Structure formats: C-alpha cells, structure tokens
Amino acid sequence: MKEKYAENHAVTTRTYTGVWLVLLILLASTIAVAKLRLLAQFSTLGSLLIASAKAGLVLAFFMHLKYEGRFLKMMLTVAIAALTVLIGLTFVDVWLR
C-alpha cells in the first residue's frame, strides 16, 4: 500500500528559475518603494505586502508547501492570520497616535 506522504513531486528547473526571476522583480519593487517615499504611511504597507508575496513564493515552491496536505496548509494559514492581526493592531495603534 502506497502511503499518502510518500509521493514524489518533481519540480523542474524551469519552475525554480521562474520563481527566482519573480523574486528578483519583487526585490526590485521593494527597493523602488523604499526609494520613492511618495506617501510615508503607505510605503511601509507596500513593503509589507511585497514581503508577504515573496514569503508566499518561498513557502510554496522552495519549502514545497504547495504539495502538502490540507491540514498543514490550514495550520500555516491560522498562524499567518494571527500574526497579521497582531501586526495590524500595532499599526492601527501607531497611526492613531
């Protein structure tokens, strides 16, 4: 009997190269947001959103979360949601002072 977690997921070099290129583009956009400083309040938010996208790509492809089961994905979603709420409450507190 074949176990559920014994499946091999072959990820091609082309996929990794594509993800790497997207990460480089996101890095350039992070630098651009930091250099522009058009609206100081929203540059931090923009940087956090770009960093979240980069972290999502790393989690999905390089840490192979894309191929895991629903339970592990759900647990990660709950942890990220709790962290998002805590960071959001901190930003609200700072912005309203």
Protein backbone atom coordinates (compact mmCIF):
# COMPACT_ATOMS: atom_id res chain seq x y z
CA MET A 1 0.00 0.00 0.00
CA LYS A 2 1.39 3.35 -1.02
CA GLU A 3 1.49 5.99 1.71
CA LYS A 4 -0.06 9.37 1.08
CA TYR A 5 3.09 11.29 2.04
CA ALA A 6 5.48 9.12 0.03
CA GLU A 7 4.56 10.79 -3.24
CA ASN A 8 7.39 12.48 -5.08
CA HIS A 9 6.76 15.81 -6.68
CA ALA A 10 9.27 16.58 -9.38
CA VAL A 11 9.71 20.31 -9.74
CA THR A 12 11.52 21.36 -12.85
CA THR A 13 14.45 23.72 -13.04
CA ARG A 14 12.32 25.94 -15.23
CA THR A 15 9.83 26.39 -12.38
CA TYR A 16 12.56 27.28 -9.92
CA THR A 17 14.09 29.72 -12.40
CA GLY A 18 10.72 31.38 -12.96
CA VAL A 19 10.11 31.74 -9.23
CA TRP A 20 13.63 33.14 -8.79
CA LEU A 21 13.01 35.73 -11.51
CA VAL A 22 9.72 36.75 -9.88
CA LEU A 23 11.54 37.08 -6.55
CA LEU A 24 14.12 39.35 -8.22
CA ILE A 25 11.34 41.50 -9.67
CA LEU A 26 9.71 41.74 -6.25
CA LEU A 27 13.07 42.67 -4.73
CA ALA A 28 13.42 45.48 -7.27
CA SER A 29 9.91 46.68 -6.45
CA THR A 30 10.73 46.66 -2.73
CA ILE A 31 13.76 48.84 -3.39
CA ALA A 32 11.68 51.14 -5.61
CA VAL A 33 9.02 51.56 -2.91
CA ALA A 34 11.71 52.38 -0.35
CA LYS A 35 13.41 54.92 -2.63
CA LEU A 36 10.25 56.71 -3.82
CA ARG A 37 8.76 57.51 -0.41
CA LEU A 38 5.73 59.14 -2.01
CA LEU A 39 3.47 58.59 0.95
CA ALA A 40 5.33 57.58 4.09
CA GLN A 41 2.30 55.84 5.61
CA PHE A 42 1.71 53.64 2.61
CA SER A 43 5.33 52.83 1.78
CA THR A 44 5.52 50.61 4.87
CA LEU A 45 2.29 48.90 3.93
CA GLY A 46 3.52 48.40 0.35
CA SER A 47 6.80 46.95 1.57
CA LEU A 48 4.97 44.54 3.86
CA LEU A 49 2.67 43.40 1.06
CA ILE A 50 5.62 42.79 -1.27
CA ALA A 51 7.48 40.93 1.50
CA SER A 52 4.39 38.77 2.09
CA ALA A 53 4.26 37.87 -1.59
CA LYS A 54 7.95 36.91 -1.53
CA ALA A 55 7.46 34.82 1.59
CA GLY A 56 4.48 33.09 -0.01
CA LEU A 57 6.54 32.14 -3.06
CA VAL A 58 9.36 30.78 -0.92
CA LEU A 59 6.92 28.79 1.24
CA ALA A 60 5.04 27.39 -1.74
CA PHE A 61 7.89 26.41 -4.03
CA PHE A 62 11.18 26.20 -2.17
CA MET A 63 9.70 24.70 1.00
CA HIS A 64 7.29 22.53 -1.05
CA LEU A 65 4.20 23.66 0.85
CA LYS A 66 2.32 23.60 -2.44
CA TYR A 67 2.40 19.80 -2.32
CA GLU A 68 1.44 19.31 1.34
CA GLY A 69 -1.91 18.25 2.70
CA ARG A 70 -4.80 20.47 3.75
CA PHE A 71 -4.11 20.18 7.48
CA LEU A 72 -0.63 21.65 7.28
CA LYS A 73 -1.82 24.41 4.96
CA MET A 74 -4.67 25.21 7.35
CA MET A 75 -2.32 25.38 10.33
CA LEU A 76 0.00 27.75 8.47
CA THR A 77 -2.95 29.90 7.43
CA VAL A 78 -4.12 30.19 11.04
CA ALA A 79 -0.63 31.15 12.23
CA ILE A 80 -0.21 33.77 9.49
CA ALA A 81 -3.69 35.17 10.17
CA ALA A 82 -2.88 35.56 13.88
CA LEU A 83 0.40 37.28 13.04
CA THR A 84 -1.39 39.57 10.58
CA VAL A 85 -3.93 40.59 13.21
CA LEU A 86 -1.19 41.38 15.73
CA ILE A 87 0.82 43.44 13.24
CA GLY A 88 -2.36 45.17 12.07
CA LEU A 89 -3.31 46.12 15.61
CA THR A 90 0.17 47.52 16.15
CA PHE A 91 -0.09 49.66 13.02
CA VAL A 92 -3.53 50.94 14.00
CA ASP A 93 -2.18 51.93 17.40
CA VAL A 94 0.77 53.80 15.89
CA TRP A 95 -1.30 55.50 13.16
CA LEU A 96 -3.92 56.78 15.59
CA ARG A 97 -1.48 58.43 17.98
